Amino acid sequence: MTVRWRQLLVSLSLWLLAELVLNWVGIDDLVDYSEYLFERQAIVFYV
């Protein structure tokens, strides 16, 4: 399995930058909530 280190590093850097900017602006929680709402597969536990 070959890892594309450059692509991985760029993707992680962009994700980290986006998280920092959204957290600094104060809308990171809103984005996390929207990801939760639009998630296609949900884990459901039945008791």
Protein backbone atom coordinates (compact mmCIF):
# COMPACT_ATOMS: atom_id res chain seq x y z
CA MET A 1 0.00 0.00 0.00
CA THR A 2 1.53 3.24 -1.14
CA VAL A 3 0.87 6.38 0.84
CA ARG A 4 0.81 9.64 -1.05
CA TRP A 5 2.57 11.67 1.60
CA ARG A 6 2.33 15.03 -0.16
CA GLN A 7 -1.43 14.69 -0.74
CA LEU A 8 -1.94 13.49 2.83
CA LEU A 9 0.05 16.39 4.25
CA VAL A 10 -1.83 18.94 2.14
CA SER A 11 -5.21 17.47 3.10
CA LEU A 12 -4.39 17.42 6.80
CA SER A 13 -2.99 20.95 6.67
CA LEU A 14 -6.11 22.31 4.95
CA TRP A 15 -8.36 20.52 7.43
CA LEU A 16 -6.39 21.87 10.39
CA LEU A 17 -6.42 25.40 8.96
CA ALA A 18 -10.18 25.23 8.38
CA GLU A 19 -10.76 23.97 11.94
CA LEU A 20 -8.64 26.76 13.41
CA VAL A 21 -10.32 29.50 11.37
CA LEU A 22 -13.84 28.23 12.08
CA ASN A 23 -13.07 27.87 15.77
CA TRP A 24 -11.58 31.37 15.89
CA VAL A 25 -14.66 32.82 14.16
CA GLY A 26 -16.93 30.84 16.47
CA ILE A 27 -18.91 28.81 13.98
CA ASP A 28 -17.13 25.47 14.39
CA ASP A 29 -19.98 24.12 16.53
CA LEU A 30 -22.48 25.14 13.86
CA VAL A 31 -20.51 23.29 11.20
CA ASP A 32 -20.21 20.20 13.40
CA TYR A 33 -23.97 20.27 14.00
CA SER A 34 -24.71 20.56 10.28
CA GLU A 35 -22.43 17.57 9.61
CA TYR A 36 -24.44 15.64 12.19
CA LEU A 37 -27.74 16.60 10.54
CA PHE A 38 -26.67 15.74 7.02
CA GLU A 39 -24.93 12.49 7.89
CA ARG A 40 -26.37 9.73 5.73
CA GLN A 41 -25.56 6.77 7.93
CA ALA A 42 -26.42 6.98 11.59
CA ILE A 43 -25.62 4.50 14.30
CA VAL A 44 -28.74 3.53 16.18
CA PHE A 45 -28.66 1.54 19.40
CA TYR A 46 -31.75 -0.31 20.55
CA VAL A 47 -32.21 -1.24 24.19
